[in-house]
Amino acid sequence: RENCMNIKEVPQSRVVKVSWITEDIVNSK
């Protein structure tokens, strides 16, 4: 999660952009 306390000090070089796929995951938990 973007507000996770454990990643506040992580260098920018280790950050990548991710996003949700909303297709075909109706039954995901």
PDB file of all heavy atoms in Angstrom:
ATOM      1  N   ARG A   1       0.857  -1.184   0.000  1.00  0.00           N
ATOM      2  CA  ARG A   1       0.000   0.000   0.000  1.00  0.00           C
ATOM      3  C   ARG A   1       0.894   1.235   0.000  1.00  0.00           C
ATOM      4  O   ARG A   1       1.980   1.215   0.586  1.00  0.00           O
ATOM      5  CB  ARG A   1      -0.902   0.009   1.241  1.00  0.00           C
ATOM      6  CG  ARG A   1      -2.082  -0.936   1.102  1.00  0.00           C
ATOM      7  CD  ARG A   1      -2.619  -1.451   2.414  1.00  0.00           C
ATOM      8  NE  ARG A   1      -2.952  -0.389   3.360  1.00  0.00           N
ATOM      9  CZ  ARG A   1      -3.227  -0.601   4.644  1.00  0.00           C
ATOM     10  NH1 ARG A   1      -3.190  -1.835   5.129  1.00  0.00           N
ATOM     11  NH2 ARG A   1      -3.529   0.388   5.449  1.00  0.00           N
ATOM     12  N   GLU A   2       0.432   2.291  -0.659  1.00  0.00           N
ATOM     13  CA  GLU A   2       1.272   3.491  -0.781  1.00  0.00           C
ATOM     14  C   GLU A   2       1.607   4.111   0.575  1.00  0.00           C
ATOM     15  O   GLU A   2       2.624   4.764   0.729  1.00  0.00           O
ATOM     16  CB  GLU A   2       0.574   4.536  -1.668  1.00  0.00           C
ATOM     17  CG  GLU A   2       0.716   4.244  -3.155  1.00  0.00           C
ATOM     18  CD  GLU A   2       0.286   5.425  -4.009  1.00  0.00           C
ATOM     19  OE1 GLU A   2      -0.285   6.383  -3.450  1.00  0.00           O
ATOM     20  OE2 GLU A   2       0.511   5.380  -5.233  1.00  0.00           O
ATOM     21  N   ASN A   3       0.716   3.923   1.582  1.00  0.00           N
ATOM     22  CA  ASN A   3       0.967   4.517   2.898  1.00  0.00           C
ATOM     23  C   ASN A   3       1.674   3.561   3.850  1.00  0.00           C
ATOM     24  O   ASN A   3       1.728   3.798   5.054  1.00  0.00           O
ATOM     25  CB  ASN A   3      -0.341   4.992   3.536  1.00  0.00           C
ATOM     26  CG  ASN A   3      -1.338   3.858   3.721  1.00  0.00           C
ATOM     27  OD1 ASN A   3      -1.074   2.727   3.332  1.00  0.00           O
ATOM     28  ND2 ASN A   3      -2.482   4.166   4.308  1.00  0.00           N
ATOM     29  N   CYS A   4       2.238   2.463   3.324  1.00  0.00           N
ATOM     30  CA  CYS A   4       2.945   1.493   4.164  1.00  0.00           C
ATOM     31  C   CYS A   4       4.162   2.162   4.815  1.00  0.00           C
ATOM     32  O   CYS A   4       5.003   2.750   4.128  1.00  0.00           O
ATOM     33  CB  CYS A   4       3.383   0.291   3.336  1.00  0.00           C
ATOM     34  SG  CYS A   4       4.332  -0.930   4.282  1.00  0.00           S
ATOM     35  N   MET A   5       4.276   2.035   6.152  1.00  0.00           N
ATOM     36  CA  MET A   5       5.372   2.670   6.883  1.00  0.00           C
ATOM     37  C   MET A   5       6.733   2.071   6.521  1.00  0.00           C
ATOM     38  O   MET A   5       7.758   2.732   6.624  1.00  0.00           O
ATOM     39  CB  MET A   5       5.140   2.525   8.395  1.00  0.00           C
ATOM     40  CG  MET A   5       3.929   3.273   8.930  1.00  0.00           C
ATOM     41  SD  MET A   5       4.061   5.060   8.688  1.00  0.00           S
ATOM     42  CE  MET A   5       5.430   5.441   9.780  1.00  0.00           C
ATOM     43  N   ASN A   6       6.744   0.799   6.078  1.00  0.00           N
ATOM     44  CA  ASN A   6       8.011   0.109   5.826  1.00  0.00           C
ATOM     45  C   ASN A   6       8.711   0.543   4.545  1.00  0.00           C
ATOM     46  O   ASN A   6       9.839   0.113   4.286  1.00  0.00           O
ATOM     47  CB  ASN A   6       7.782  -1.405   5.783  1.00  0.00           C
ATOM     48  CG  ASN A   6       7.534  -1.978   7.163  1.00  0.00           C
ATOM     49  OD1 ASN A   6       7.764  -1.319   8.159  1.00  0.00           O
ATOM     50  ND2 ASN A   6       7.064  -3.210   7.214  1.00  0.00           N
ATOM     51  N   ILE A   7       8.060   1.347   3.712  1.00  0.00           N
ATOM     52  CA  ILE A   7       8.687   1.723   2.434  1.00  0.00           C
ATOM     53  C   ILE A   7       9.033   3.202   2.362  1.00  0.00           C
ATOM     54  O   ILE A   7       9.471   3.683   1.328  1.00  0.00           O
ATOM     55  CB  ILE A   7       7.771   1.351   1.240  1.00  0.00           C
ATOM     56  CG1 ILE A   7       6.459   2.154   1.288  1.00  0.00           C
ATOM     57  CG2 ILE A   7       7.500  -0.135   1.209  1.00  0.00           C
ATOM     58  CD1 ILE A   7       5.598   1.993   0.049  1.00  0.00           C
ATOM     59  N   LYS A   8       8.844   3.914   3.484  1.00  0.00           N
ATOM     60  CA  LYS A   8       9.075   5.362   3.446  1.00  0.00           C
ATOM     61  C   LYS A   8      10.520   5.725   3.146  1.00  0.00           C
ATOM     62  O   LYS A   8      10.799   6.764   2.573  1.00  0.00           O
ATOM     63  CB  LYS A   8       8.621   5.999   4.769  1.00  0.00           C
ATOM     64  CG  LYS A   8       7.113   6.019   4.928  1.00  0.00           C
ATOM     65  CD  LYS A   8       6.695   6.973   6.026  1.00  0.00           C
ATOM     66  CE  LYS A   8       5.174   7.076   6.139  1.00  0.00           C
ATOM     67  NZ  LYS A   8       4.604   7.683   4.939  1.00  0.00           N
ATOM     68  N   GLU A   9      11.463   4.857   3.567  1.00  0.00           N
ATOM     69  CA  GLU A   9      12.880   5.176   3.376  1.00  0.00           C
ATOM     70  C   GLU A   9      13.506   4.426   2.197  1.00  0.00           C
ATOM     71  O   GLU A   9      14.718   4.438   2.019  1.00  0.00           O
ATOM     72  CB  GLU A   9      13.646   4.833   4.663  1.00  0.00           C
ATOM     73  CG  GLU A   9      13.110   5.503   5.922  1.00  0.00           C
ATOM     74  CD  GLU A   9      13.193   7.011   5.839  1.00  0.00           C
ATOM     75  OE1 GLU A   9      14.161   7.508   5.244  1.00  0.00           O
ATOM     76  OE2 GLU A   9      12.295   7.685   6.370  1.00  0.00           O
ATOM     77  N   VAL A  10      12.686   3.743   1.399  1.00  0.00           N
ATOM     78  CA  VAL A  10      13.216   2.961   0.270  1.00  0.00           C
ATOM     79  C   VAL A  10      13.703   3.899  -0.838  1.00  0.00           C
ATOM     80  O   VAL A  10      12.985   4.831  -1.225  1.00  0.00           O
ATOM     81  CB  VAL A  10      12.126   2.005  -0.283  1.00  0.00           C
ATOM     82  CG1 VAL A  10      12.592   1.346  -1.570  1.00  0.00           C
ATOM     83  CG2 VAL A  10      11.788   0.949   0.753  1.00  0.00           C
ATOM     84  N   PRO A  11      14.919   3.668  -1.379  1.00  0.00           N
ATOM     85  CA  PRO A  11      15.433   4.534  -2.456  1.00  0.00           C
ATOM     86  C   PRO A  11      14.522   4.480  -3.685  1.00  0.00           C
ATOM     87  O   PRO A  11      13.912   3.451  -3.988  1.00  0.00           O
ATOM     88  CB  PRO A  11      16.807   3.926  -2.768  1.00  0.00           C
ATOM     89  CG  PRO A  11      17.180   3.140  -1.548  1.00  0.00           C
ATOM     90  CD  PRO A  11      15.903   2.652  -0.960  1.00  0.00           C
ATOM     91  N   GLN A  12      14.454   5.602  -4.400  1.00  0.00           N
ATOM     92  CA  GLN A  12      13.579   5.705  -5.567  1.00  0.00           C
ATOM     93  C   GLN A  12      13.959   4.704  -6.660  1.00  0.00           C
ATOM     94  O   GLN A  12      13.106   4.267  -7.447  1.00  0.00           O
ATOM     95  CB  GLN A  12      13.631   7.141  -6.119  1.00  0.00           C
ATOM     96  CG  GLN A  12      12.523   7.478  -7.103  1.00  0.00           C
ATOM     97  CD  GLN A  12      11.131   7.370  -6.480  1.00  0.00           C
ATOM     98  OE1 GLN A  12      10.959   7.636  -5.306  1.00  0.00           O
ATOM     99  NE2 GLN A  12      10.145   6.968  -7.269  1.00  0.00           N
ATOM    100  N   SER A  13      15.228   4.299  -6.676  1.00  0.00           N
ATOM    101  CA  SER A  13      15.683   3.367  -7.717  1.00  0.00           C
ATOM    102  C   SER A  13      15.025   2.000  -7.592  1.00  0.00           C
ATOM    103  O   SER A  13      15.017   1.214  -8.537  1.00  0.00           O
ATOM    104  CB  SER A  13      17.207   3.210  -7.639  1.00  0.00           C
ATOM    105  OG  SER A  13      17.586   2.664  -6.390  1.00  0.00           O
ATOM    106  N   ARG A  14      14.451   1.703  -6.436  1.00  0.00           N
ATOM    107  CA  ARG A  14      13.816   0.397  -6.216  1.00  0.00           C
ATOM    108  C   ARG A  14      12.300   0.461  -6.362  1.00  0.00           C
ATOM    109  O   ARG A  14      11.608  -0.536  -6.143  1.00  0.00           O
ATOM    110  CB  ARG A  14      14.179  -0.126  -4.831  1.00  0.00           C
ATOM    111  CG  ARG A  14      15.661  -0.429  -4.658  1.00  0.00           C
ATOM    112  CD  ARG A  14      15.994  -0.806  -3.232  1.00  0.00           C
ATOM    113  NE  ARG A  14      15.224  -1.957  -2.798  1.00  0.00           N
ATOM    114  CZ  ARG A  14      15.025  -2.278  -1.507  1.00  0.00           C
ATOM    115  NH1 ARG A  14      15.535  -1.507  -0.569  1.00  0.00           N
ATOM    116  NH2 ARG A  14      14.323  -3.341  -1.185  1.00  0.00           N
ATOM    117  N   VAL A  15      11.772   1.617  -6.713  1.00  0.00           N
ATOM    118  CA  VAL A  15      10.325   1.798  -6.836  1.00  0.00           C
ATOM    119  C   VAL A  15       9.898   1.594  -8.279  1.00  0.00           C
ATOM    120  O   VAL A  15      10.518   2.129  -9.204  1.00  0.00           O
ATOM    121  CB  VAL A  15       9.907   3.211  -6.362  1.00  0.00           C
ATOM    122  CG1 VAL A  15       8.415   3.431  -6.585  1.00  0.00           C
ATOM    123  CG2 VAL A  15      10.262   3.401  -4.896  1.00  0.00           C
ATOM    124  N   VAL A  16       8.846   0.793  -8.498  1.00  0.00           N
ATOM    125  CA  VAL A  16       8.287   0.616  -9.838  1.00  0.00           C
ATOM    126  C   VAL A  16       6.787   0.882  -9.790  1.00  0.00           C
ATOM    127  O   VAL A  16       6.147   0.737  -8.747  1.00  0.00           O
ATOM    128  CB  VAL A  16       8.549  -0.808 -10.385  1.00  0.00           C
ATOM    129  CG1 VAL A  16      10.024  -1.039 -10.611  1.00  0.00           C
ATOM    130  CG2 VAL A  16       7.983  -1.868  -9.462  1.00  0.00           C
ATOM    131  N   LYS A  17       6.244   1.271 -10.926  1.00  0.00           N
ATOM    132  CA  LYS A  17       4.824   1.587 -11.014  1.00  0.00           C
ATOM    133  C   LYS A  17       4.015   0.305 -11.190  1.00  0.00           C
ATOM    134  O   LYS A  17       4.320  -0.527 -12.037  1.00  0.00           O
ATOM    135  CB  LYS A  17       4.568   2.540 -12.184  1.00  0.00           C
ATOM    136  CG  LYS A  17       3.135   3.028 -12.281  1.00  0.00           C
ATOM    137  CD  LYS A  17       2.974   4.006 -13.431  1.00  0.00           C
ATOM    138  CE  LYS A  17       1.520   4.476 -13.536  1.00  0.00           C
ATOM    139  NZ  LYS A  17       1.332   5.412 -14.673  1.00  0.00           N
ATOM    140  N   VAL A  18       2.999   0.128 -10.378  1.00  0.00           N
ATOM    141  CA  VAL A  18       2.106  -1.032 -10.500  1.00  0.00           C
ATOM    142  C   VAL A  18       0.665  -0.547 -10.482  1.00  0.00           C
ATOM    143  O   VAL A  18       0.361   0.525  -9.956  1.00  0.00           O
ATOM    144  CB  VAL A  18       2.330  -2.050  -9.354  1.00  0.00           C
ATOM    145  CG1 VAL A  18       3.701  -2.678  -9.437  1.00  0.00           C
ATOM    146  CG2 VAL A  18       2.116  -1.408  -7.994  1.00  0.00           C
ATOM    147  N   SER A  19      -0.218  -1.344 -11.064  1.00  0.00           N
ATOM    148  CA  SER A  19      -1.643  -0.990 -11.082  1.00  0.00           C
ATOM    149  C   SER A  19      -2.480  -2.258 -11.098  1.00  0.00           C
ATOM    150  O   SER A  19      -2.006  -3.336 -11.453  1.00  0.00           O
ATOM    151  CB  SER A  19      -1.962  -0.115 -12.303  1.00  0.00           C
ATOM    152  OG  SER A  19      -1.623  -0.801 -13.502  1.00  0.00           O
ATOM    153  N   TRP A  20      -3.739  -2.109 -10.679  1.00  0.00           N
ATOM    154  CA  TRP A  20      -4.638  -3.263 -10.609  1.00  0.00           C
ATOM    155  C   TRP A  20      -5.217  -3.602 -11.987  1.00  0.00           C
ATOM    156  O   TRP A  20      -5.483  -2.725 -12.792  1.00  0.00           O
ATOM    157  CB  TRP A  20      -5.808  -2.968  -9.658  1.00  0.00           C
ATOM    158  CG  TRP A  20      -5.421  -2.778  -8.233  1.00  0.00           C
ATOM    159  CD1 TRP A  20      -5.325  -1.599  -7.565  1.00  0.00           C
ATOM    160  CD2 TRP A  20      -5.096  -3.793  -7.289  1.00  0.00           C
ATOM    161  NE1 TRP A  20      -4.950  -1.796  -6.269  1.00  0.00           N
ATOM    162  CE2 TRP A  20      -4.800  -3.155  -6.054  1.00  0.00           C
ATOM    163  CE3 TRP A  20      -5.008  -5.180  -7.349  1.00  0.00           C
ATOM    164  CZ2 TRP A  20      -4.444  -3.844  -4.920  1.00  0.00           C
ATOM    165  CZ3 TRP A  20      -4.653  -5.878  -6.209  1.00  0.00           C
ATOM    166  CH2 TRP A  20      -4.365  -5.220  -5.012  1.00  0.00           C
ATOM    167  N   ILE A  21      -5.416  -4.925 -12.226  1.00  0.00           N
ATOM    168  CA  ILE A  21      -6.226  -5.390 -13.354  1.00  0.00           C
ATOM    169  C   ILE A  21      -7.573  -5.776 -12.766  1.00  0.00           C
ATOM    170  O   ILE A  21      -7.626  -6.496 -11.774  1.00  0.00           O
ATOM    171  CB  ILE A  21      -5.618  -6.647 -14.016  1.00  0.00           C
ATOM    172  CG1 ILE A  21      -4.164  -6.410 -14.401  1.00  0.00           C
ATOM    173  CG2 ILE A  21      -6.446  -7.078 -15.212  1.00  0.00           C
ATOM    174  CD1 ILE A  21      -3.468  -7.667 -14.882  1.00  0.00           C
ATOM    175  N   THR A  22      -8.635  -5.298 -13.341  1.00  0.00           N
ATOM    176  CA  THR A  22      -9.956  -5.595 -12.773  1.00  0.00           C
ATOM    177  C   THR A  22     -10.702  -6.663 -13.547  1.00  0.00           C
ATOM    178  O   THR A  22     -11.821  -7.033 -13.196  1.00  0.00           O
ATOM    179  CB  THR A  22     -10.807  -4.313 -12.731  1.00  0.00           C
ATOM    180  OG1 THR A  22     -10.879  -3.767 -14.052  1.00  0.00           O
ATOM    181  CG2 THR A  22     -10.215  -3.298 -11.782  1.00  0.00           C
ATOM    182  N   GLU A  23     -10.088  -7.174 -14.633  1.00  0.00           N
ATOM    183  CA  GLU A  23     -10.750  -8.207 -15.432  1.00  0.00           C
ATOM    184  C   GLU A  23     -10.432  -9.598 -14.882  1.00  0.00           C
ATOM    185  O   GLU A  23      -9.333  -9.870 -14.424  1.00  0.00           O
ATOM    186  CB  GLU A  23     -10.277  -8.125 -16.892  1.00  0.00           C
ATOM    187  CG  GLU A  23     -10.573  -6.786 -17.548  1.00  0.00           C
ATOM    188  CD  GLU A  23      -9.909  -6.679 -18.912  1.00  0.00           C
ATOM    189  OE1 GLU A  23      -9.246  -7.650 -19.319  1.00  0.00           O
ATOM    190  OE2 GLU A  23     -10.060  -5.627 -19.550  1.00  0.00           O
ATOM    191  N   ASP A  24     -11.428 -10.479 -14.978  1.00  0.00           N
ATOM    192  CA  ASP A  24     -11.246 -11.899 -14.664  1.00  0.00           C
ATOM    193  C   ASP A  24     -10.795 -12.148 -13.225  1.00  0.00           C
ATOM    194  O   ASP A  24     -10.112 -13.118 -12.940  1.00  0.00           O
ATOM    195  CB  ASP A  24     -10.215 -12.538 -15.614  1.00  0.00           C
ATOM    196  CG  ASP A  24     -10.654 -12.403 -17.063  1.00  0.00           C
ATOM    197  OD1 ASP A  24     -11.867 -12.489 -17.311  1.00  0.00           O
ATOM    198  OD2 ASP A  24      -9.769 -12.226 -17.922  1.00  0.00           O
ATOM    199  N   ILE A  25     -11.138 -11.261 -12.318  1.00  0.00           N
ATOM    200  CA  ILE A  25     -10.755 -11.511 -10.919  1.00  0.00           C
ATOM    201  C   ILE A  25     -11.970 -11.405 -10.006  1.00  0.00           C
ATOM    202  O   ILE A  25     -11.873 -11.048  -8.854  1.00  0.00           O
ATOM    203  CB  ILE A  25      -9.657 -10.516 -10.456  1.00  0.00           C
ATOM    204  CG1 ILE A  25     -10.114  -9.064 -10.655  1.00  0.00           C
ATOM    205  CG2 ILE A  25      -8.366 -10.770 -11.171  1.00  0.00           C
ATOM    206  CD1 ILE A  25      -9.192  -8.080 -10.003  1.00  0.00           C
ATOM    207  N   VAL A  26     -13.122 -11.748 -10.552  1.00  0.00           N
ATOM    208  CA  VAL A  26     -14.368 -11.628  -9.795  1.00  0.00           C
ATOM    209  C   VAL A  26     -14.324 -12.438  -8.521  1.00  0.00           C
ATOM    210  O   VAL A  26     -14.814 -12.030  -7.473  1.00  0.00           O
ATOM    211  CB  VAL A  26     -15.572 -12.062 -10.667  1.00  0.00           C
ATOM    212  CG1 VAL A  26     -16.863 -12.008  -9.865  1.00  0.00           C
ATOM    213  CG2 VAL A  26     -15.664 -11.175 -11.900  1.00  0.00           C
ATOM    214  N   ASN A  27     -13.730 -13.632  -8.580  1.00  0.00           N
ATOM    215  CA  ASN A  27     -13.750 -14.532  -7.431  1.00  0.00           C
ATOM    216  C   ASN A  27     -12.489 -14.445  -6.568  1.00  0.00           C
ATOM    217  O   ASN A  27     -12.290 -15.267  -5.686  1.00  0.00           O
ATOM    218  CB  ASN A  27     -13.944 -15.980  -7.903  1.00  0.00           C
ATOM    219  CG  ASN A  27     -15.295 -16.166  -8.579  1.00  0.00           C
ATOM    220  OD1 ASN A  27     -16.290 -15.633  -8.104  1.00  0.00           O
ATOM    221  ND2 ASN A  27     -15.312 -16.917  -9.677  1.00  0.00           N
ATOM    222  N   SER A  28     -11.612 -13.490  -6.843  1.00  0.00           N
ATOM    223  CA  SER A  28     -10.389 -13.369  -6.057  1.00  0.00           C
ATOM    224  C   SER A  28     -10.690 -12.883  -4.645  1.00  0.00           C
ATOM    225  O   SER A  28     -11.615 -12.110  -4.422  1.00  0.00           O
ATOM    226  CB  SER A  28      -9.417 -12.398  -6.733  1.00  0.00           C
ATOM    227  OG  SER A  28      -8.944 -12.954  -7.936  1.00  0.00           O
ATOM    228  N   LYS A  29      -9.889 -13.364  -3.703  1.00  0.00           N
ATOM    229  CA  LYS A  29     -10.004 -12.938  -2.314  1.00  0.00           C
ATOM    230  C   LYS A  29      -8.677 -12.322  -1.886  1.00  0.00           C
ATOM    231  O   LYS A  29      -7.603 -12.793  -2.277  1.00  0.00           O
ATOM    232  CB  LYS A  29     -10.329 -14.125  -1.400  1.00  0.00           C
ATOM    233  CG  LYS A  29     -11.712 -14.723  -1.623  1.00  0.00           C
ATOM    234  CD  LYS A  29     -12.794 -13.830  -1.027  1.00  0.00           C
ATOM    235  CE  LYS A  29     -14.158 -14.491  -1.130  1.00  0.00           C
ATOM    236  NZ  LYS A  29     -15.223 -13.644  -0.582  1.00  0.00           N
TER     237      LYS A  29
END
